[in-house]
Amino acid sequence: FSAQKERHISVRVRSTRPPAEAILRPLTDTTAEVELLSPEEGVSP
């Protein structure tokens, strides 16, 4: 999990939602920024 690569993946932000297209940008070995190609409602910490 390298901080130097950008990955096109699908993500699920709730168990009841289908996976959505996203870009995964690693920041460290255990943190990242996920950019959803289409905004999702109700994403919760």
ModelCIF file with pLDDT and N, C-alpha, C, O atoms, coordinates in Angstrom:
data_MODEL
#
_entry.id   MODEL 
#
_entity.id                         1 
_entity.type                       polymer 
_entity.pdbx_number_of_molecules   1 
#
_entity_poly.entity_id                      1 
_entity_poly.type                           'polypeptide(L)' 
_entity_poly.nstd_linkage                   no 
_entity_poly.nstd_monomer                   no 
_entity_poly.pdbx_seq_one_letter_code       FSAQKERHISVRVRSTRPPAEAILRPLTDTTAEVELLSPEEGVSP 
_entity_poly.pdbx_seq_one_letter_code_can   FSAQKERHISVRVRSTRPPAEAILRPLTDTTAEVELLSPEEGVSP 
_entity_poly.pdbx_strand_id                 A 
#
loop_
_entity_poly_seq.entity_id 
_entity_poly_seq.num 
_entity_poly_seq.mon_id 
_entity_poly_seq.hetero 
1 1  PHE n 
1 2  SER n 
1 3  ALA n 
1 4  GLN n 
1 5  LYS n 
1 6  GLU n 
1 7  ARG n 
1 8  HIS n 
1 9  ILE n 
1 10 SER n 
1 11 VAL n 
1 12 ARG n 
1 13 VAL n 
1 14 ARG n 
1 15 SER n 
1 16 THR n 
1 17 ARG n 
1 18 PRO n 
1 19 PRO n 
1 20 ALA n 
1 21 GLU n 
1 22 ALA n 
1 23 ILE n 
1 24 LEU n 
1 25 ARG n 
1 26 PRO n 
1 27 LEU n 
1 28 THR n 
1 29 ASP n 
1 30 THR n 
1 31 THR n 
1 32 ALA n 
1 33 GLU n 
1 34 VAL n 
1 35 GLU n 
1 36 LEU n 
1 37 LEU n 
1 38 SER n 
1 39 PRO n 
1 40 GLU n 
1 41 GLU n 
1 42 GLY n 
1 43 VAL n 
1 44 SER n 
1 45 PRO n 
#
_struct_asym.id          A 
_struct_asym.entity_id   1 
#
loop_
_ma_qa_metric.id 
_ma_qa_metric.mode 
_ma_qa_metric.name 
_ma_qa_metric.software_group_id 
_ma_qa_metric.type 
1 global pLDDT . pLDDT 
2 local  pLDDT . pLDDT 
#
_ma_qa_metric_global.metric_id      1 
_ma_qa_metric_global.metric_value   91.93 
_ma_qa_metric_global.model_id       1 
_ma_qa_metric_global.ordinal_id     1 
#
loop_
_ma_qa_metric_local.label_asym_id 
_ma_qa_metric_local.label_comp_id 
_ma_qa_metric_local.label_seq_id 
_ma_qa_metric_local.metric_id 
_ma_qa_metric_local.metric_value 
_ma_qa_metric_local.model_id 
_ma_qa_metric_local.ordinal_id 
A PHE 1  2 91.00 1 1  
A SER 2  2 77.00 1 2  
A ALA 3  2 62.00 1 3  
A GLN 4  2 63.00 1 4  
A LYS 5  2 81.00 1 5  
A GLU 6  2 91.00 1 6  
A ARG 7  2 93.00 1 7  
A HIS 8  2 96.00 1 8  
A ILE 9  2 97.00 1 9  
A SER 10 2 98.00 1 10 
A VAL 11 2 98.00 1 11 
A ARG 12 2 97.00 1 12 
A VAL 13 2 95.00 1 13 
A ARG 14 2 91.00 1 14 
A SER 15 2 91.00 1 15 
A THR 16 2 88.00 1 16 
A ARG 17 2 88.00 1 17 
A PRO 18 2 91.00 1 18 
A PRO 19 2 94.00 1 19 
A ALA 20 2 96.00 1 20 
A GLU 21 2 98.00 1 21 
A ALA 22 2 98.00 1 22 
A ILE 23 2 98.00 1 23 
A LEU 24 2 97.00 1 24 
A ARG 25 2 96.00 1 25 
A PRO 26 2 95.00 1 26 
A LEU 27 2 94.00 1 27 
A THR 28 2 93.00 1 28 
A ASP 29 2 92.00 1 29 
A THR 30 2 94.00 1 30 
A THR 31 2 95.00 1 31 
A ALA 32 2 96.00 1 32 
A GLU 33 2 97.00 1 33 
A VAL 34 2 98.00 1 34 
A GLU 35 2 98.00 1 35 
A LEU 36 2 98.00 1 36 
A LEU 37 2 97.00 1 37 
A SER 38 2 96.00 1 38 
A PRO 39 2 95.00 1 39 
A GLU 40 2 93.00 1 40 
A GLU 41 2 90.00 1 41 
A GLY 42 2 81.00 1 42 
A VAL 43 2 90.00 1 43 
A SER 44 2 89.00 1 44 
A PRO 45 2 91.00 1 45 
#
loop_
_atom_site.group_PDB 
_atom_site.id 
_atom_site.type_symbol 
_atom_site.label_atom_id 
_atom_site.label_alt_id 
_atom_site.label_comp_id 
_atom_site.label_asym_id 
_atom_site.label_entity_id 
_atom_site.label_seq_id 
_atom_site.pdbx_PDB_ins_code 
_atom_site.Cartn_x 
_atom_site.Cartn_y 
_atom_site.Cartn_z 
_atom_site.occupancy 
_atom_site.B_iso_or_equiv 
_atom_site.pdbx_formal_charge 
_atom_site.auth_seq_id 
_atom_site.auth_comp_id 
_atom_site.auth_asym_id 
_atom_site.auth_atom_id 
_atom_site.pdbx_PDB_model_num 
ATOM 1   N N  . PHE A 1 1  ? 0.863   -1.174 0.000  1.00 91.00 ? 1  PHE A N  1 
ATOM 2   C CA . PHE A 1 1  ? 0.000   0.000  0.000  1.00 91.00 ? 1  PHE A CA 1 
ATOM 3   C C  . PHE A 1 1  ? 0.911   1.241  0.000  1.00 91.00 ? 1  PHE A C  1 
ATOM 4   O O  . PHE A 1 1  ? 1.290   1.748  1.056  1.00 91.00 ? 1  PHE A O  1 
ATOM 5   N N  . SER A 1 2  ? 1.241   1.699  -1.164 1.00 77.00 ? 2  SER A N  1 
ATOM 6   C CA . SER A 1 2  ? 2.240   2.756  -1.305 1.00 77.00 ? 2  SER A CA 1 
ATOM 7   C C  . SER A 1 2  ? 1.586   4.126  -1.356 1.00 77.00 ? 2  SER A C  1 
ATOM 8   O O  . SER A 1 2  ? 0.500   4.295  -1.912 1.00 77.00 ? 2  SER A O  1 
ATOM 9   N N  . ALA A 1 3  ? 2.259   5.090  -0.772 1.00 62.00 ? 3  ALA A N  1 
ATOM 10  C CA . ALA A 1 3  ? 1.747   6.467  -0.797 1.00 62.00 ? 3  ALA A CA 1 
ATOM 11  C C  . ALA A 1 3  ? 2.014   7.136  -2.141 1.00 62.00 ? 3  ALA A C  1 
ATOM 12  O O  . ALA A 1 3  ? 1.698   8.315  -2.302 1.00 62.00 ? 3  ALA A O  1 
ATOM 13  N N  . GLN A 1 4  ? 2.571   6.439  -3.087 1.00 63.00 ? 4  GLN A N  1 
ATOM 14  C CA . GLN A 1 4  ? 2.942   7.052  -4.364 1.00 63.00 ? 4  GLN A CA 1 
ATOM 15  C C  . GLN A 1 4  ? 2.055   6.628  -5.523 1.00 63.00 ? 4  GLN A C  1 
ATOM 16  O O  . GLN A 1 4  ? 2.292   7.021  -6.666 1.00 63.00 ? 4  GLN A O  1 
ATOM 17  N N  . LYS A 1 5  ? 1.031   5.824  -5.233 1.00 81.00 ? 5  LYS A N  1 
ATOM 18  C CA . LYS A 1 5  ? 0.196   5.333  -6.320 1.00 81.00 ? 5  LYS A CA 1 
ATOM 19  C C  . LYS A 1 5  ? -1.254  5.764  -6.132 1.00 81.00 ? 5  LYS A C  1 
ATOM 20  O O  . LYS A 1 5  ? -1.742  5.909  -5.011 1.00 81.00 ? 5  LYS A O  1 
ATOM 21  N N  . GLU A 1 6  ? -1.913  5.959  -7.242 1.00 91.00 ? 6  GLU A N  1 
ATOM 22  C CA . GLU A 1 6  ? -3.337  6.269  -7.258 1.00 91.00 ? 6  GLU A CA 1 
ATOM 23  C C  . GLU A 1 6  ? -4.059  5.087  -7.888 1.00 91.00 ? 6  GLU A C  1 
ATOM 24  O O  . GLU A 1 6  ? -3.659  4.607  -8.948 1.00 91.00 ? 6  GLU A O  1 
ATOM 25  N N  . ARG A 1 7  ? -5.106  4.625  -7.251 1.00 93.00 ? 7  ARG A N  1 
ATOM 26  C CA . ARG A 1 7  ? -5.779  3.411  -7.723 1.00 93.00 ? 7  ARG A CA 1 
ATOM 27  C C  . ARG A 1 7  ? -7.253  3.694  -8.007 1.00 93.00 ? 7  ARG A C  1 
ATOM 28  O O  . ARG A 1 7  ? -7.930  4.359  -7.223 1.00 93.00 ? 7  ARG A O  1 
ATOM 29  N N  . HIS A 1 8  ? -7.726  3.197  -9.103 1.00 96.00 ? 8  HIS A N  1 
ATOM 30  C CA . HIS A 1 8  ? -9.148  3.254  -9.415 1.00 96.00 ? 8  HIS A CA 1 
ATOM 31  C C  . HIS A 1 8  ? -9.793  1.985  -8.854 1.00 96.00 ? 8  HIS A C  1 
ATOM 32  O O  . HIS A 1 8  ? -9.450  0.877  -9.267 1.00 96.00 ? 8  HIS A O  1 
ATOM 33  N N  . ILE A 1 9  ? -10.714 2.147  -7.923 1.00 97.00 ? 9  ILE A N  1 
ATOM 34  C CA . ILE A 1 9  ? -11.352 1.029  -7.246 1.00 97.00 ? 9  ILE A CA 1 
ATOM 35  C C  . ILE A 1 9  ? -12.850 1.292  -7.128 1.00 97.00 ? 9  ILE A C  1 
ATOM 36  O O  . ILE A 1 9  ? -13.355 2.302  -7.617 1.00 97.00 ? 9  ILE A O  1 
ATOM 37  N N  . SER A 1 10 ? -13.539 0.388  -6.487 1.00 98.00 ? 10 SER A N  1 
ATOM 38  C CA . SER A 1 10 ? -14.915 0.619  -6.050 1.00 98.00 ? 10 SER A CA 1 
ATOM 39  C C  . SER A 1 10 ? -14.907 0.602  -4.524 1.00 98.00 ? 10 SER A C  1 
ATOM 40  O O  . SER A 1 10 ? -14.117 -0.117 -3.912 1.00 98.00 ? 10 SER A O  1 
ATOM 41  N N  . VAL A 1 11 ? -15.773 1.384  -3.920 1.00 98.00 ? 11 VAL A N  1 
ATOM 42  C CA . VAL A 1 11 ? -15.832 1.419  -2.457 1.00 98.00 ? 11 VAL A CA 1 
ATOM 43  C C  . VAL A 1 11 ? -17.277 1.314  -1.992 1.00 98.00 ? 11 VAL A C  1 
ATOM 44  O O  . VAL A 1 11 ? -18.211 1.725  -2.681 1.00 98.00 ? 11 VAL A O  1 
ATOM 45  N N  . ARG A 1 12 ? -17.428 0.753  -0.803 1.00 97.00 ? 12 ARG A N  1 
ATOM 46  C CA . ARG A 1 12 ? -18.733 0.700  -0.147 1.00 97.00 ? 12 ARG A CA 1 
ATOM 47  C C  . ARG A 1 12 ? -18.594 1.462  1.162  1.00 97.00 ? 12 ARG A C  1 
ATOM 48  O O  . ARG A 1 12 ? -17.733 1.137  1.980  1.00 97.00 ? 12 ARG A O  1 
ATOM 49  N N  . VAL A 1 13 ? -19.437 2.476  1.369  1.00 95.00 ? 13 VAL A N  1 
ATOM 50  C CA . VAL A 1 13 ? -19.342 3.308  2.566  1.00 95.00 ? 13 VAL A CA 1 
ATOM 51  C C  . VAL A 1 13 ? -20.412 2.978  3.597  1.00 95.00 ? 13 VAL A C  1 
ATOM 52  O O  . VAL A 1 13 ? -20.414 3.534  4.695  1.00 95.00 ? 13 VAL A O  1 
ATOM 53  N N  . ARG A 1 14 ? -21.317 2.078  3.248  1.00 91.00 ? 14 ARG A N  1 
ATOM 54  C CA . ARG A 1 14 ? -22.286 1.526  4.194  1.00 91.00 ? 14 ARG A CA 1 
ATOM 55  C C  . ARG A 1 14 ? -22.605 0.114  3.747  1.00 91.00 ? 14 ARG A C  1 
ATOM 56  O O  . ARG A 1 14 ? -22.527 -0.209 2.562  1.00 91.00 ? 14 ARG A O  1 
ATOM 57  N N  . SER A 1 15 ? -22.965 -0.725 4.710  1.00 91.00 ? 15 SER A N  1 
ATOM 58  C CA . SER A 1 15 ? -23.204 -2.132 4.370  1.00 91.00 ? 15 SER A CA 1 
ATOM 59  C C  . SER A 1 15 ? -24.383 -2.297 3.432  1.00 91.00 ? 15 SER A C  1 
ATOM 60  O O  . SER A 1 15 ? -24.450 -3.276 2.689  1.00 91.00 ? 15 SER A O  1 
ATOM 61  N N  . THR A 1 16 ? -25.322 -1.348 3.457  1.00 88.00 ? 16 THR A N  1 
ATOM 62  C CA . THR A 1 16 ? -26.535 -1.474 2.660  1.00 88.00 ? 16 THR A CA 1 
ATOM 63  C C  . THR A 1 16 ? -26.410 -0.840 1.281  1.00 88.00 ? 16 THR A C  1 
ATOM 64  O O  . THR A 1 16 ? -27.363 -0.872 0.502  1.00 88.00 ? 16 THR A O  1 
ATOM 65  N N  . ARG A 1 17 ? -25.260 -0.267 0.966  1.00 88.00 ? 17 ARG A N  1 
ATOM 66  C CA . ARG A 1 17 ? -25.100 0.402  -0.320 1.00 88.00 ? 17 ARG A CA 1 
ATOM 67  C C  . ARG A 1 17 ? -24.233 -0.423 -1.262 1.00 88.00 ? 17 ARG A C  1 
ATOM 68  O O  . ARG A 1 17 ? -23.323 -1.124 -0.820 1.00 88.00 ? 17 ARG A O  1 
ATOM 69  N N  . PRO A 1 18 ? -24.515 -0.343 -2.559 1.00 91.00 ? 18 PRO A N  1 
ATOM 70  C CA . PRO A 1 18 ? -23.660 -1.059 -3.510 1.00 91.00 ? 18 PRO A CA 1 
ATOM 71  C C  . PRO A 1 18 ? -22.319 -0.342 -3.656 1.00 91.00 ? 18 PRO A C  1 
ATOM 72  O O  . PRO A 1 18 ? -22.224 0.850  -3.363 1.00 91.00 ? 18 PRO A O  1 
ATOM 73  N N  . PRO A 1 19 ? -21.284 -1.051 -4.103 1.00 94.00 ? 19 PRO A N  1 
ATOM 74  C CA . PRO A 1 19 ? -20.001 -0.390 -4.330 1.00 94.00 ? 19 PRO A CA 1 
ATOM 75  C C  . PRO A 1 19 ? -20.119 0.724  -5.368 1.00 94.00 ? 19 PRO A C  1 
ATOM 76  O O  . PRO A 1 19 ? -20.847 0.597  -6.352 1.00 94.00 ? 19 PRO A O  1 
ATOM 77  N N  . ALA A 1 20 ? -19.390 1.818  -5.133 1.00 96.00 ? 20 ALA A N  1 
ATOM 78  C CA . ALA A 1 20 ? -19.407 2.965  -6.038 1.00 96.00 ? 20 ALA A CA 1 
ATOM 79  C C  . ALA A 1 20 ? -17.997 3.227  -6.550 1.00 96.00 ? 20 ALA A C  1 
ATOM 80  O O  . ALA A 1 20 ? -17.016 2.958  -5.857 1.00 96.00 ? 20 ALA A O  1 
ATOM 81  N N  . GLU A 1 21 ? -17.902 3.750  -7.762 1.00 98.00 ? 21 GLU A N  1 
ATOM 82  C CA . GLU A 1 21 ? -16.602 4.041  -8.354 1.00 98.00 ? 21 GLU A CA 1 
ATOM 83  C C  . GLU A 1 21 ? -15.871 5.125  -7.565 1.00 98.00 ? 21 GLU A C  1 
ATOM 84  O O  . GLU A 1 21 ? -16.478 6.094  -7.108 1.00 98.00 ? 21 GLU A O  1 
ATOM 85  N N  . ALA A 1 22 ? -14.560 4.948  -7.413 1.00 98.00 ? 22 ALA A N  1 
ATOM 86  C CA . ALA A 1 22 ? -13.788 5.903  -6.625 1.00 98.00 ? 22 ALA A CA 1 
ATOM 87  C C  . ALA A 1 22 ? -12.313 5.850  -7.018 1.00 98.00 ? 22 ALA A C  1 
ATOM 88  O O  . ALA A 1 22 ? -11.861 4.936  -7.708 1.00 98.00 ? 22 ALA A O  1 
ATOM 89  N N  . ILE A 1 23 ? -11.593 6.847  -6.563 1.00 98.00 ? 23 ILE A N  1 
ATOM 90  C CA . ILE A 1 23 ? -10.140 6.888  -6.708 1.00 98.00 ? 23 ILE A CA 1 
ATOM 91  C C  . ILE A 1 23 ? -9.548  6.830  -5.309 1.00 98.00 ? 23 ILE A C  1 
ATOM 92  O O  . ILE A 1 23 ? -9.924  7.613  -4.436 1.00 98.00 ? 23 ILE A O  1 
ATOM 93  N N  . LEU A 1 24 ? -8.627  5.907  -5.098 1.00 97.00 ? 24 LEU A N  1 
ATOM 94  C CA . LEU A 1 24 ? -7.955  5.726  -3.815 1.00 97.00 ? 24 LEU A CA 1 
ATOM 95  C C  . LEU A 1 24 ? -6.570  6.354  -3.891 1.00 97.00 ? 24 LEU A C  1 
ATOM 96  O O  . LEU A 1 24 ? -5.755  5.993  -4.740 1.00 97.00 ? 24 LEU A O  1 
ATOM 97  N N  . ARG A 1 25 ? -6.317  7.299  -2.990 1.00 96.00 ? 25 ARG A N  1 
ATOM 98  C CA . ARG A 1 25 ? -5.021  7.967  -2.953 1.00 96.00 ? 25 ARG A CA 1 
ATOM 99  C C  . ARG A 1 25 ? -4.359  7.699  -1.596 1.00 96.00 ? 25 ARG A C  1 
ATOM 100 O O  . ARG A 1 25 ? -4.696  8.352  -0.609 1.00 96.00 ? 25 ARG A O  1 
ATOM 101 N N  . PRO A 1 26 ? -3.425  6.748  -1.537 1.00 95.00 ? 26 PRO A N  1 
ATOM 102 C CA . PRO A 1 26 ? -2.729  6.471  -0.280 1.00 95.00 ? 26 PRO A CA 1 
ATOM 103 C C  . PRO A 1 26 ? -1.941  7.689  0.195  1.00 95.00 ? 26 PRO A C  1 
ATOM 104 O O  . PRO A 1 26 ? -1.312  8.382  -0.604 1.00 95.00 ? 26 PRO A O  1 
ATOM 105 N N  . LEU A 1 27 ? -1.980  7.943  1.500  1.00 94.00 ? 27 LEU A N  1 
ATOM 106 C CA . LEU A 1 27 ? -1.214  9.036  2.102  1.00 94.00 ? 27 LEU A CA 1 
ATOM 107 C C  . LEU A 1 27 ? -0.065  8.500  2.937  1.00 94.00 ? 27 LEU A C  1 
ATOM 108 O O  . LEU A 1 27 ? 1.053   9.010  2.865  1.00 94.00 ? 27 LEU A O  1 
ATOM 109 N N  . THR A 1 28 ? -0.341  7.463  3.733  1.00 93.00 ? 28 THR A N  1 
ATOM 110 C CA . THR A 1 28 ? 0.691   6.756  4.490  1.00 93.00 ? 28 THR A CA 1 
ATOM 111 C C  . THR A 1 28 ? 0.399   5.270  4.354  1.00 93.00 ? 28 THR A C  1 
ATOM 112 O O  . THR A 1 28 ? -0.437  4.881  3.538  1.00 93.00 ? 28 THR A O  1 
ATOM 113 N N  . ASP A 1 29 ? 1.071   4.434  5.135  1.00 92.00 ? 29 ASP A N  1 
ATOM 114 C CA . ASP A 1 29 ? 0.809   2.995  5.073  1.00 92.00 ? 29 ASP A CA 1 
ATOM 115 C C  . ASP A 1 29 ? -0.576  2.637  5.580  1.00 92.00 ? 29 ASP A C  1 
ATOM 116 O O  . ASP A 1 29 ? -1.075  1.556  5.269  1.00 92.00 ? 29 ASP A O  1 
ATOM 117 N N  . THR A 1 30 ? -1.217  3.515  6.358  1.00 94.00 ? 30 THR A N  1 
ATOM 118 C CA . THR A 1 30 ? -2.514  3.177  6.963  1.00 94.00 ? 30 THR A CA 1 
ATOM 119 C C  . THR A 1 30 ? -3.574  4.268  6.797  1.00 94.00 ? 30 THR A C  1 
ATOM 120 O O  . THR A 1 30 ? -4.656  4.165  7.375  1.00 94.00 ? 30 THR A O  1 
ATOM 121 N N  . THR A 1 31 ? -3.277  5.328  6.003  1.00 95.00 ? 31 THR A N  1 
ATOM 122 C CA . THR A 1 31 ? -4.268  6.382  5.779  1.00 95.00 ? 31 THR A CA 1 
ATOM 123 C C  . THR A 1 31 ? -4.370  6.671  4.281  1.00 95.00 ? 31 THR A C  1 
ATOM 124 O O  . THR A 1 31 ? -3.435  6.432  3.517  1.00 95.00 ? 31 THR A O  1 
ATOM 125 N N  . ALA A 1 32 ? -5.527  7.188  3.888  1.00 96.00 ? 32 ALA A N  1 
ATOM 126 C CA . ALA A 1 32 ? -5.742  7.490  2.475  1.00 96.00 ? 32 ALA A CA 1 
ATOM 127 C C  . ALA A 1 32 ? -6.870  8.491  2.323  1.00 96.00 ? 32 ALA A C  1 
ATOM 128 O O  . ALA A 1 32 ? -7.632  8.748  3.256  1.00 96.00 ? 32 ALA A O  1 
ATOM 129 N N  . GLU A 1 33 ? -6.958  9.050  1.128  1.00 97.00 ? 33 GLU A N  1 
ATOM 130 C CA . GLU A 1 33 ? -8.088  9.877  0.734  1.00 97.00 ? 33 GLU A CA 1 
ATOM 131 C C  . GLU A 1 33 ? -8.819  9.137  -0.372 1.00 97.00 ? 33 GLU A C  1 
ATOM 132 O O  . GLU A 1 33 ? -8.205  8.682  -1.337 1.00 97.00 ? 33 GLU A O  1 
ATOM 133 N N  . VAL A 1 34 ? -10.128 9.019  -0.229 1.00 98.00 ? 34 VAL A N  1 
ATOM 134 C CA . VAL A 1 34 ? -10.955 8.366  -1.236 1.00 98.00 ? 34 VAL A CA 1 
ATOM 135 C C  . VAL A 1 34 ? -11.820 9.429  -1.898 1.00 98.00 ? 34 VAL A C  1 
ATOM 136 O O  . VAL A 1 34 ? -12.556 10.151 -1.226 1.00 98.00 ? 34 VAL A O  1 
ATOM 137 N N  . GLU A 1 35 ? -11.727 9.517  -3.209 1.00 98.00 ? 35 GLU A N  1 
ATOM 138 C CA . GLU A 1 35 ? -12.555 10.459 -3.967 1.00 98.00 ? 35 GLU A CA 1 
ATOM 139 C C  . GLU A 1 35 ? -13.630 9.689  -4.710 1.00 98.00 ? 35 GLU A C  1 
ATOM 140 O O  . GLU A 1 35 ? -13.329 8.871  -5.580 1.00 98.00 ? 35 GLU A O  1 
ATOM 141 N N  . LEU A 1 36 ? -14.880 9.949  -4.369 1.00 98.00 ? 36 LEU A N  1 
ATOM 142 C CA . LEU A 1 36 ? -16.005 9.305  -5.037 1.00 98.00 ? 36 LEU A CA 1 
ATOM 143 C C  . LEU A 1 36 ? -16.266 10.000 -6.367 1.00 98.00 ? 36 LEU A C  1 
ATOM 144 O O  . LEU A 1 36 ? -16.299 11.230 -6.421 1.00 98.00 ? 36 LEU A O  1 
ATOM 145 N N  . LEU A 1 37 ? -16.451 9.238  -7.438 1.00 97.00 ? 37 LEU A N  1 
ATOM 146 C CA . LEU A 1 37 ? -16.723 9.854  -8.725 1.00 97.00 ? 37 LEU A CA 1 
ATOM 147 C C  . LEU A 1 37 ? -18.118 10.482 -8.750 1.00 97.00 ? 37 LEU A C  1 
ATOM 148 O O  . LEU A 1 37 ? -18.358 11.460 -9.459 1.00 97.00 ? 37 LEU A O  1 
ATOM 149 N N  . SER A 1 38 ? -19.029 9.908  -7.969 1.00 96.00 ? 38 SER A N  1 
ATOM 150 C CA . SER A 1 38 ? -20.358 10.503 -7.779 1.00 96.00 ? 38 SER A CA 1 
ATOM 151 C C  . SER A 1 38 ? -20.576 10.672 -6.289 1.00 96.00 ? 38 SER A C  1 
ATOM 152 O O  . SER A 1 38 ? -20.389 9.715  -5.537 1.00 96.00 ? 38 SER A O  1 
ATOM 153 N N  . PRO A 1 39 ? -20.971 11.868 -5.829 1.00 95.00 ? 39 PRO A N  1 
ATOM 154 C CA . PRO A 1 39 ? -21.124 12.098 -4.384 1.00 95.00 ? 39 PRO A CA 1 
ATOM 155 C C  . PRO A 1 39 ? -22.137 11.145 -3.756 1.00 95.00 ? 39 PRO A C  1 
ATOM 156 O O  . PRO A 1 39 ? -23.129 10.773 -4.382 1.00 95.00 ? 39 PRO A O  1 
ATOM 157 N N  . GLU A 1 40 ? -21.869 10.757 -2.505 1.00 93.00 ? 40 GLU A N  1 
ATOM 158 C CA . GLU A 1 40 ? -22.778 9.915  -1.734 1.00 93.00 ? 40 GLU A CA 1 
ATOM 159 C C  . GLU A 1 40 ? -23.351 10.735 -0.586 1.00 93.00 ? 40 GLU A C  1 
ATOM 160 O O  . GLU A 1 40 ? -22.689 11.624 -0.051 1.00 93.00 ? 40 GLU A O  1 
ATOM 161 N N  . GLU A 1 41 ? -24.596 10.422 -0.215 1.00 90.00 ? 41 GLU A N  1 
ATOM 162 C CA . GLU A 1 41 ? -25.222 11.099 0.917  1.00 90.00 ? 41 GLU A CA 1 
ATOM 163 C C  . GLU A 1 41 ? -25.073 10.274 2.187  1.00 90.00 ? 41 GLU A C  1 
ATOM 164 O O  . GLU A 1 41 ? -25.080 9.044  2.152  1.00 90.00 ? 41 GLU A O  1 
ATOM 165 N N  . GLY A 1 42 ? -24.939 10.980 3.318  1.00 81.00 ? 42 GLY A N  1 
ATOM 166 C CA . GLY A 1 42 ? -24.960 10.312 4.613  1.00 81.00 ? 42 GLY A CA 1 
ATOM 167 C C  . GLY A 1 42 ? -23.692 9.579  4.972  1.00 81.00 ? 42 GLY A C  1 
ATOM 168 O O  . GLY A 1 42 ? -23.733 8.678  5.810  1.00 81.00 ? 42 GLY A O  1 
ATOM 169 N N  . VAL A 1 43 ? -22.548 9.928  4.368  1.00 90.00 ? 43 VAL A N  1 
ATOM 170 C CA . VAL A 1 43 ? -21.278 9.322  4.756  1.00 90.00 ? 43 VAL A CA 1 
ATOM 171 C C  . VAL A 1 43 ? -20.946 9.790  6.169  1.00 90.00 ? 43 VAL A C  1 
ATOM 172 O O  . VAL A 1 43 ? -20.913 10.991 6.436  1.00 90.00 ? 43 VAL A O  1 
ATOM 173 N N  . SER A 1 44 ? -20.700 8.839  7.077  1.00 89.00 ? 44 SER A N  1 
ATOM 174 C CA . SER A 1 44 ? -20.583 9.191  8.490  1.00 89.00 ? 44 SER A CA 1 
ATOM 175 C C  . SER A 1 44 ? -19.275 8.706  9.091  1.00 89.00 ? 44 SER A C  1 
ATOM 176 O O  . SER A 1 44 ? -18.875 7.569  8.844  1.00 89.00 ? 44 SER A O  1 
ATOM 177 N N  . PRO A 1 45 ? -18.591 9.547  9.884  1.00 91.00 ? 45 PRO A N  1 
ATOM 178 C CA . PRO A 1 45 ? -17.430 9.070  10.646 1.00 91.00 ? 45 PRO A CA 1 
ATOM 179 C C  . PRO A 1 45 ? -17.811 7.878  11.514 1.00 91.00 ? 45 PRO A C  1 
ATOM 180 O O  . PRO A 1 45 ? -16.966 7.339  12.228 1.00 91.00 ? 45 PRO A O  1 
#
